[in-house]
N, C-alpha and C. Protein backbone atom coordinates (compact mmCIF):
# COMPACT_ATOMS: atom_id res chain seq x y z
N MET A 1 149.87 10.42 -63.47
CA MET A 1 150.37 9.99 -64.75
C MET A 1 151.77 9.39 -64.57
N ALA A 2 152.01 8.29 -65.24
CA ALA A 2 153.30 7.61 -65.14
C ALA A 2 154.41 8.40 -65.82
N GLU A 3 155.60 8.19 -65.35
CA GLU A 3 156.77 8.85 -65.92
C GLU A 3 157.17 8.15 -67.21
N PHE A 4 157.57 8.91 -68.22
CA PHE A 4 158.08 8.34 -69.45
C PHE A 4 159.44 7.71 -69.19
N THR A 5 159.61 6.46 -69.61
CA THR A 5 160.86 5.77 -69.34
C THR A 5 161.75 5.64 -70.57
N HIS A 6 161.27 6.08 -71.71
CA HIS A 6 162.03 5.92 -72.94
C HIS A 6 162.89 7.15 -73.27
N PHE A 7 163.16 7.97 -72.24
CA PHE A 7 164.02 9.13 -72.41
C PHE A 7 165.11 9.10 -71.35
N ASP A 8 166.33 9.47 -71.75
CA ASP A 8 167.40 9.54 -70.76
C ASP A 8 167.35 10.91 -70.07
N LYS A 9 168.33 11.17 -69.21
CA LYS A 9 168.33 12.41 -68.42
C LYS A 9 168.41 13.66 -69.28
N SER A 10 168.97 13.53 -70.47
CA SER A 10 169.08 14.70 -71.35
C SER A 10 167.91 14.81 -72.33
N GLY A 11 166.92 13.92 -72.18
CA GLY A 11 165.74 14.00 -73.04
C GLY A 11 165.83 13.23 -74.34
N ARG A 12 166.90 12.48 -74.52
CA ARG A 12 167.08 11.70 -75.76
C ARG A 12 166.40 10.34 -75.62
N ALA A 13 165.90 9.84 -76.73
CA ALA A 13 165.24 8.53 -76.73
C ALA A 13 166.24 7.43 -76.39
N ARG A 14 165.75 6.43 -75.67
CA ARG A 14 166.60 5.29 -75.31
C ARG A 14 165.73 4.05 -75.19
N MET A 15 166.37 2.90 -75.31
CA MET A 15 165.70 1.64 -75.03
C MET A 15 165.82 1.39 -73.54
N VAL A 16 164.70 1.09 -72.90
CA VAL A 16 164.70 0.84 -71.46
C VAL A 16 165.47 -0.44 -71.16
N ASP A 17 166.28 -0.41 -70.11
CA ASP A 17 167.03 -1.58 -69.68
C ASP A 17 166.14 -2.47 -68.83
N VAL A 18 165.83 -3.67 -69.32
CA VAL A 18 164.97 -4.60 -68.57
C VAL A 18 165.77 -5.78 -68.01
N SER A 19 167.09 -5.66 -68.00
CA SER A 19 167.95 -6.78 -67.59
C SER A 19 167.74 -7.20 -66.14
N GLU A 20 167.27 -6.32 -65.28
CA GLU A 20 167.05 -6.65 -63.87
C GLU A 20 165.64 -7.17 -63.60
N LYS A 21 164.77 -7.13 -64.59
CA LYS A 21 163.40 -7.59 -64.39
C LYS A 21 163.32 -9.10 -64.54
N PRO A 22 162.51 -9.76 -63.73
CA PRO A 22 162.39 -11.22 -63.85
C PRO A 22 161.56 -11.61 -65.08
N ALA A 23 161.85 -12.76 -65.62
CA ALA A 23 161.06 -13.29 -66.72
C ALA A 23 159.76 -13.86 -66.15
N THR A 24 158.65 -13.37 -66.65
CA THR A 24 157.33 -13.86 -66.24
C THR A 24 156.49 -14.12 -67.47
N SER A 25 155.43 -14.87 -67.30
CA SER A 25 154.49 -15.13 -68.40
C SER A 25 153.68 -13.86 -68.66
N ARG A 26 153.66 -13.45 -69.90
CA ARG A 26 152.99 -12.20 -70.25
C ARG A 26 152.10 -12.41 -71.47
N ALA A 27 151.01 -11.64 -71.54
CA ALA A 27 150.10 -11.70 -72.68
C ALA A 27 149.49 -10.33 -72.89
N ALA A 28 149.13 -10.05 -74.12
CA ALA A 28 148.43 -8.81 -74.46
C ALA A 28 147.49 -9.10 -75.62
N THR A 29 146.34 -8.43 -75.60
CA THR A 29 145.36 -8.56 -76.68
C THR A 29 145.03 -7.18 -77.21
N ALA A 30 145.03 -7.06 -78.52
CA ALA A 30 144.65 -5.82 -79.20
C ALA A 30 143.54 -6.15 -80.19
N ARG A 31 142.76 -5.13 -80.50
CA ARG A 31 141.69 -5.33 -81.48
C ARG A 31 141.58 -4.11 -82.38
N GLY A 32 140.87 -4.30 -83.46
CA GLY A 32 140.55 -3.24 -84.39
C GLY A 32 139.53 -3.76 -85.37
N SER A 33 139.02 -2.88 -86.21
CA SER A 33 137.99 -3.26 -87.18
C SER A 33 138.25 -2.62 -88.53
N ILE A 34 137.69 -3.26 -89.54
CA ILE A 34 137.68 -2.67 -90.87
C ILE A 34 136.24 -2.67 -91.35
N LEU A 35 135.79 -1.52 -91.80
CA LEU A 35 134.43 -1.35 -92.30
C LEU A 35 134.46 -1.43 -93.82
N MET A 36 133.41 -2.05 -94.38
CA MET A 36 133.37 -2.27 -95.83
C MET A 36 131.93 -2.43 -96.28
N GLU A 37 131.76 -2.51 -97.58
CA GLU A 37 130.44 -2.78 -98.15
C GLU A 37 130.07 -4.23 -97.85
N ARG A 38 128.78 -4.49 -97.71
CA ARG A 38 128.33 -5.86 -97.42
C ARG A 38 128.76 -6.83 -98.51
N GLU A 39 128.73 -6.38 -99.74
CA GLU A 39 129.13 -7.26 -100.86
C GLU A 39 130.59 -7.67 -100.75
N THR A 40 131.42 -6.78 -100.24
CA THR A 40 132.84 -7.11 -100.05
C THR A 40 132.99 -8.24 -99.04
N LEU A 41 132.28 -8.14 -97.92
CA LEU A 41 132.34 -9.20 -96.92
C LEU A 41 131.83 -10.51 -97.50
N LYS A 42 130.79 -10.44 -98.29
CA LYS A 42 130.25 -11.65 -98.93
C LYS A 42 131.30 -12.30 -99.83
N LEU A 43 132.00 -11.49 -100.62
CA LEU A 43 133.07 -12.01 -101.48
C LEU A 43 134.18 -12.66 -100.66
N ILE A 44 134.54 -12.04 -99.56
CA ILE A 44 135.59 -12.60 -98.70
C ILE A 44 135.16 -13.98 -98.20
N LYS A 45 133.95 -14.06 -97.66
CA LYS A 45 133.45 -15.31 -97.10
C LYS A 45 133.32 -16.42 -98.15
N GLU A 46 132.97 -16.04 -99.37
CA GLU A 46 132.77 -17.02 -100.45
C GLU A 46 134.04 -17.33 -101.22
N GLY A 47 135.15 -16.73 -100.84
CA GLY A 47 136.41 -16.96 -101.54
C GLY A 47 136.49 -16.28 -102.90
N GLY A 48 135.76 -15.19 -103.06
CA GLY A 48 135.69 -14.50 -104.34
C GLY A 48 136.68 -13.36 -104.53
N ILE A 49 137.59 -13.17 -103.60
CA ILE A 49 138.62 -12.13 -103.74
C ILE A 49 139.77 -12.72 -104.56
N LYS A 50 140.12 -12.06 -105.64
CA LYS A 50 141.10 -12.60 -106.59
C LYS A 50 142.48 -12.84 -105.99
N LYS A 51 142.84 -12.09 -104.94
CA LYS A 51 144.17 -12.26 -104.34
C LYS A 51 144.26 -13.48 -103.44
N GLY A 52 143.12 -14.14 -103.15
CA GLY A 52 143.18 -15.38 -102.38
C GLY A 52 142.39 -15.36 -101.09
N ASP A 53 142.75 -16.25 -100.18
CA ASP A 53 142.08 -16.45 -98.89
C ASP A 53 142.41 -15.29 -97.96
N VAL A 54 141.49 -14.35 -97.86
CA VAL A 54 141.74 -13.13 -97.11
C VAL A 54 142.02 -13.41 -95.63
N PHE A 55 141.21 -14.25 -95.00
CA PHE A 55 141.42 -14.52 -93.58
C PHE A 55 142.72 -15.28 -93.34
N GLY A 56 143.03 -16.22 -94.21
CA GLY A 56 144.28 -16.98 -94.06
C GLY A 56 145.51 -16.11 -94.20
N VAL A 57 145.50 -15.25 -95.20
CA VAL A 57 146.65 -14.36 -95.42
C VAL A 57 146.76 -13.33 -94.30
N ALA A 58 145.63 -12.79 -93.86
CA ALA A 58 145.64 -11.80 -92.77
C ALA A 58 146.15 -12.42 -91.47
N GLN A 59 145.82 -13.68 -91.23
CA GLN A 59 146.30 -14.36 -90.03
C GLN A 59 147.82 -14.52 -90.08
N VAL A 60 148.34 -14.94 -91.23
CA VAL A 60 149.80 -15.08 -91.37
C VAL A 60 150.47 -13.70 -91.23
N ALA A 61 149.87 -12.68 -91.81
CA ALA A 61 150.43 -11.33 -91.70
C ALA A 61 150.51 -10.88 -90.24
N ALA A 62 149.48 -11.20 -89.46
CA ALA A 62 149.48 -10.82 -88.04
C ALA A 62 150.61 -11.50 -87.29
N VAL A 63 150.81 -12.79 -87.54
CA VAL A 63 151.88 -13.52 -86.86
C VAL A 63 153.24 -12.95 -87.26
N MET A 64 153.43 -12.73 -88.55
CA MET A 64 154.71 -12.18 -89.03
C MET A 64 154.97 -10.80 -88.44
N ALA A 65 153.93 -9.97 -88.39
CA ALA A 65 154.08 -8.62 -87.86
C ALA A 65 154.44 -8.64 -86.37
N ALA A 66 153.82 -9.52 -85.61
CA ALA A 66 154.15 -9.62 -84.19
C ALA A 66 155.63 -9.94 -84.01
N LYS A 67 156.13 -10.86 -84.83
CA LYS A 67 157.53 -11.27 -84.73
C LYS A 67 158.49 -10.19 -85.20
N LYS A 68 158.04 -9.29 -86.06
CA LYS A 68 158.89 -8.23 -86.62
C LYS A 68 158.70 -6.87 -85.94
N THR A 69 157.93 -6.81 -84.90
CA THR A 69 157.64 -5.52 -84.26
C THR A 69 158.89 -4.73 -83.90
N PRO A 70 159.94 -5.34 -83.32
CA PRO A 70 161.13 -4.55 -82.99
C PRO A 70 161.83 -3.96 -84.22
N ASP A 71 161.57 -4.52 -85.39
CA ASP A 71 162.15 -3.97 -86.62
C ASP A 71 161.39 -2.72 -87.08
N LEU A 72 160.14 -2.56 -86.59
CA LEU A 72 159.29 -1.44 -87.01
C LEU A 72 159.22 -0.33 -85.97
N ILE A 73 159.24 -0.69 -84.71
CA ILE A 73 159.10 0.26 -83.61
C ILE A 73 160.46 0.38 -82.93
N PRO A 74 161.13 1.51 -83.06
CA PRO A 74 162.54 1.61 -82.70
C PRO A 74 162.91 1.21 -81.27
N MET A 75 162.10 1.48 -80.29
CA MET A 75 162.50 1.21 -78.90
C MET A 75 161.93 -0.09 -78.34
N CYS A 76 161.33 -0.91 -79.20
CA CYS A 76 160.82 -2.22 -78.74
C CYS A 76 161.97 -3.21 -78.58
N HIS A 77 161.86 -4.01 -77.54
CA HIS A 77 162.85 -5.06 -77.32
C HIS A 77 162.54 -6.25 -78.21
N PRO A 78 163.56 -6.92 -78.74
CA PRO A 78 163.31 -8.20 -79.42
C PRO A 78 162.83 -9.20 -78.36
N ILE A 79 161.73 -9.84 -78.63
CA ILE A 79 161.10 -10.73 -77.67
C ILE A 79 160.92 -12.10 -78.28
N ALA A 80 161.21 -13.13 -77.52
CA ALA A 80 160.94 -14.50 -77.96
C ALA A 80 159.45 -14.77 -77.73
N ILE A 81 158.68 -14.61 -78.77
CA ILE A 81 157.23 -14.79 -78.68
C ILE A 81 156.90 -16.27 -78.55
N SER A 82 156.02 -16.57 -77.61
CA SER A 82 155.59 -17.95 -77.38
C SER A 82 154.42 -18.34 -78.27
N GLY A 83 153.55 -17.39 -78.59
CA GLY A 83 152.38 -17.70 -79.40
C GLY A 83 151.64 -16.46 -79.83
N VAL A 84 150.94 -16.59 -80.95
CA VAL A 84 150.09 -15.52 -81.47
C VAL A 84 148.77 -16.16 -81.88
N GLU A 85 147.67 -15.63 -81.36
CA GLU A 85 146.34 -16.09 -81.75
C GLU A 85 145.61 -14.93 -82.41
N VAL A 86 144.96 -15.22 -83.53
CA VAL A 86 144.22 -14.20 -84.26
C VAL A 86 142.80 -14.71 -84.48
N ALA A 87 141.83 -13.87 -84.15
CA ALA A 87 140.43 -14.23 -84.35
C ALA A 87 139.73 -13.12 -85.14
N PHE A 88 138.85 -13.55 -86.03
CA PHE A 88 138.08 -12.62 -86.86
C PHE A 88 136.61 -12.72 -86.48
N ASP A 89 135.93 -11.58 -86.46
CA ASP A 89 134.51 -11.54 -86.12
C ASP A 89 133.82 -10.68 -87.18
N CYS A 90 132.93 -11.29 -87.94
CA CYS A 90 132.22 -10.58 -89.01
C CYS A 90 130.86 -10.13 -88.51
N GLY A 91 130.47 -8.93 -88.92
CA GLY A 91 129.17 -8.41 -88.51
C GLY A 91 128.74 -7.25 -89.37
N ALA A 92 127.72 -6.56 -88.90
CA ALA A 92 127.19 -5.39 -89.60
C ALA A 92 127.22 -4.20 -88.66
N THR A 93 127.29 -3.02 -89.23
CA THR A 93 127.28 -1.79 -88.44
C THR A 93 125.87 -1.22 -88.42
N GLU A 94 125.67 -0.25 -87.58
CA GLU A 94 124.36 0.41 -87.50
C GLU A 94 124.04 1.20 -88.77
N LYS A 95 125.03 1.47 -89.57
CA LYS A 95 124.81 2.24 -90.80
C LYS A 95 124.70 1.33 -92.02
N GLY A 96 124.52 0.03 -91.79
CA GLY A 96 124.30 -0.89 -92.90
C GLY A 96 125.54 -1.39 -93.60
N ARG A 97 126.71 -1.03 -93.09
CA ARG A 97 127.95 -1.53 -93.68
C ARG A 97 128.35 -2.81 -92.96
N ALA A 98 129.24 -3.55 -93.56
CA ALA A 98 129.78 -4.76 -92.92
C ALA A 98 131.05 -4.40 -92.18
N SER A 99 131.41 -5.25 -91.22
CA SER A 99 132.66 -5.04 -90.50
C SER A 99 133.32 -6.38 -90.23
N ILE A 100 134.63 -6.33 -90.18
CA ILE A 100 135.42 -7.46 -89.71
C ILE A 100 136.23 -6.95 -88.55
N GLY A 101 136.04 -7.57 -87.39
CA GLY A 101 136.83 -7.26 -86.22
C GLY A 101 137.99 -8.24 -86.14
N VAL A 102 139.13 -7.74 -85.71
CA VAL A 102 140.32 -8.58 -85.52
C VAL A 102 140.74 -8.48 -84.06
N ASN A 103 140.94 -9.63 -83.44
CA ASN A 103 141.53 -9.70 -82.09
C ASN A 103 142.83 -10.46 -82.22
N ALA A 104 143.91 -9.86 -81.74
CA ALA A 104 145.23 -10.51 -81.77
C ALA A 104 145.77 -10.60 -80.35
N THR A 105 146.08 -11.82 -79.93
CA THR A 105 146.66 -12.06 -78.62
C THR A 105 148.06 -12.61 -78.80
N VAL A 106 149.02 -11.99 -78.11
CA VAL A 106 150.42 -12.40 -78.19
C VAL A 106 150.87 -12.79 -76.78
N ARG A 107 151.66 -13.88 -76.71
CA ARG A 107 152.17 -14.37 -75.43
C ARG A 107 153.69 -14.54 -75.48
N CYS A 108 154.31 -14.38 -74.31
CA CYS A 108 155.74 -14.64 -74.18
C CYS A 108 156.06 -14.92 -72.72
N VAL A 109 157.26 -15.39 -72.50
CA VAL A 109 157.82 -15.45 -71.15
C VAL A 109 159.08 -14.60 -71.22
N GLY A 110 159.06 -13.49 -70.49
CA GLY A 110 160.20 -12.59 -70.57
C GLY A 110 160.11 -11.45 -69.59
N PRO A 111 161.07 -10.52 -69.66
CA PRO A 111 161.12 -9.41 -68.71
C PRO A 111 160.29 -8.20 -69.11
N THR A 112 159.66 -8.24 -70.28
CA THR A 112 158.87 -7.11 -70.74
C THR A 112 157.66 -7.62 -71.51
N GLY A 113 156.65 -6.78 -71.61
CA GLY A 113 155.37 -7.20 -72.18
C GLY A 113 155.33 -7.22 -73.70
N VAL A 114 154.18 -7.64 -74.21
CA VAL A 114 153.99 -7.81 -75.65
C VAL A 114 152.84 -6.95 -76.18
N GLU A 115 152.62 -5.80 -75.54
CA GLU A 115 151.55 -4.91 -75.99
C GLU A 115 151.78 -4.42 -77.42
N MET A 116 152.99 -3.98 -77.71
CA MET A 116 153.28 -3.46 -79.05
C MET A 116 153.15 -4.55 -80.11
N GLU A 117 153.52 -5.76 -79.74
CA GLU A 117 153.40 -6.88 -80.69
C GLU A 117 151.94 -7.18 -80.99
N ALA A 118 151.07 -7.13 -79.97
CA ALA A 118 149.65 -7.37 -80.19
C ALA A 118 149.04 -6.27 -81.05
N LEU A 119 149.38 -5.02 -80.77
CA LEU A 119 148.87 -3.90 -81.57
C LEU A 119 149.35 -3.99 -83.02
N THR A 120 150.60 -4.34 -83.20
CA THR A 120 151.17 -4.46 -84.55
C THR A 120 150.51 -5.61 -85.29
N ALA A 121 150.26 -6.71 -84.60
CA ALA A 121 149.60 -7.86 -85.23
C ALA A 121 148.20 -7.50 -85.70
N ALA A 122 147.43 -6.83 -84.85
CA ALA A 122 146.07 -6.43 -85.23
C ALA A 122 146.10 -5.47 -86.42
N ALA A 123 146.99 -4.50 -86.37
CA ALA A 123 147.09 -3.53 -87.47
C ALA A 123 147.49 -4.21 -88.77
N ALA A 124 148.43 -5.13 -88.72
CA ALA A 124 148.88 -5.81 -89.94
C ALA A 124 147.76 -6.67 -90.54
N ALA A 125 146.99 -7.33 -89.69
CA ALA A 125 145.87 -8.13 -90.20
C ALA A 125 144.86 -7.23 -90.91
N LEU A 126 144.55 -6.09 -90.31
CA LEU A 126 143.59 -5.17 -90.92
C LEU A 126 144.13 -4.57 -92.21
N LEU A 127 145.40 -4.20 -92.23
CA LEU A 127 146.00 -3.66 -93.44
C LEU A 127 146.03 -4.69 -94.56
N THR A 128 146.22 -5.95 -94.20
CA THR A 128 146.23 -7.02 -95.19
C THR A 128 144.84 -7.20 -95.80
N ILE A 129 143.82 -7.17 -94.96
CA ILE A 129 142.45 -7.25 -95.49
C ILE A 129 142.20 -6.09 -96.44
N TYR A 130 142.61 -4.89 -96.04
CA TYR A 130 142.45 -3.71 -96.90
C TYR A 130 143.17 -3.92 -98.23
N ASP A 131 144.40 -4.34 -98.17
CA ASP A 131 145.19 -4.53 -99.39
C ASP A 131 144.57 -5.55 -100.32
N MET A 132 144.08 -6.63 -99.77
CA MET A 132 143.55 -7.70 -100.61
C MET A 132 142.19 -7.35 -101.21
N CYS A 133 141.48 -6.41 -100.61
CA CYS A 133 140.12 -6.10 -101.06
C CYS A 133 139.96 -4.72 -101.69
N LYS A 134 141.02 -3.94 -101.73
CA LYS A 134 140.90 -2.55 -102.19
C LYS A 134 140.44 -2.43 -103.64
N ALA A 135 140.66 -3.44 -104.45
CA ALA A 135 140.23 -3.38 -105.85
C ALA A 135 138.71 -3.43 -105.98
N VAL A 136 138.03 -4.03 -105.01
CA VAL A 136 136.57 -4.14 -105.10
C VAL A 136 135.84 -3.17 -104.18
N ASP A 137 136.55 -2.53 -103.25
CA ASP A 137 135.89 -1.64 -102.30
C ASP A 137 136.82 -0.47 -101.96
N LYS A 138 136.56 0.66 -102.57
CA LYS A 138 137.40 1.84 -102.36
C LYS A 138 137.05 2.60 -101.08
N ALA A 139 135.92 2.23 -100.43
CA ALA A 139 135.45 2.99 -99.27
C ALA A 139 135.72 2.29 -97.94
N MET A 140 136.58 1.28 -97.91
CA MET A 140 136.89 0.61 -96.65
C MET A 140 137.60 1.58 -95.71
N SER A 141 137.40 1.37 -94.41
CA SER A 141 138.14 2.18 -93.44
C SER A 141 138.49 1.33 -92.22
N ILE A 142 139.70 1.52 -91.74
CA ILE A 142 140.21 0.82 -90.57
C ILE A 142 139.97 1.72 -89.36
N THR A 143 139.50 1.12 -88.28
CA THR A 143 139.14 1.93 -87.12
C THR A 143 139.39 1.18 -85.81
N GLY A 144 139.56 1.95 -84.76
CA GLY A 144 139.53 1.44 -83.40
C GLY A 144 140.64 0.47 -83.01
N ILE A 145 141.85 0.63 -83.52
CA ILE A 145 142.92 -0.24 -83.07
C ILE A 145 143.31 0.18 -81.66
N GLU A 146 143.19 -0.79 -80.73
CA GLU A 146 143.44 -0.47 -79.32
C GLU A 146 143.87 -1.70 -78.55
N LEU A 147 144.58 -1.45 -77.47
CA LEU A 147 144.95 -2.51 -76.55
C LEU A 147 143.77 -2.76 -75.63
N VAL A 148 143.34 -4.01 -75.52
CA VAL A 148 142.17 -4.32 -74.69
C VAL A 148 142.53 -5.09 -73.42
N GLU A 149 143.69 -5.72 -73.40
CA GLU A 149 144.09 -6.47 -72.22
C GLU A 149 145.58 -6.67 -72.20
N LYS A 150 146.15 -6.59 -70.99
CA LYS A 150 147.57 -6.93 -70.81
C LYS A 150 147.78 -7.50 -69.45
């Protein structure tokens, strides 16, 4: 098991010093899903959600969240993000519910990775879908937010 690097010798939290690390091209992808009623997914696809374009707003939310990650996660370094890609995948579950999968990929050139930014982007996209659709579907659930590649 790797050693925790976000603690100093006295056990207090600290931001890791990455000043000696070389800047390299880095990328990370995170994913997650939101489960909902089939009718909710149909409304989203047909533009029937009163709050607007669910996929468009969720995509913008993901990009904004990736850029704001150091404001939310105390020990994250501010990173000059090179790009954020968000993809949505609609489907059905084995229990007859609908699902929307979100994949968020974040890229940068720097001394530290963008795993937290990718995870935050995926979570923000899913939370945005939830927020925009909660009036029509009280049983939605967000699941499986995870880092899939770095």
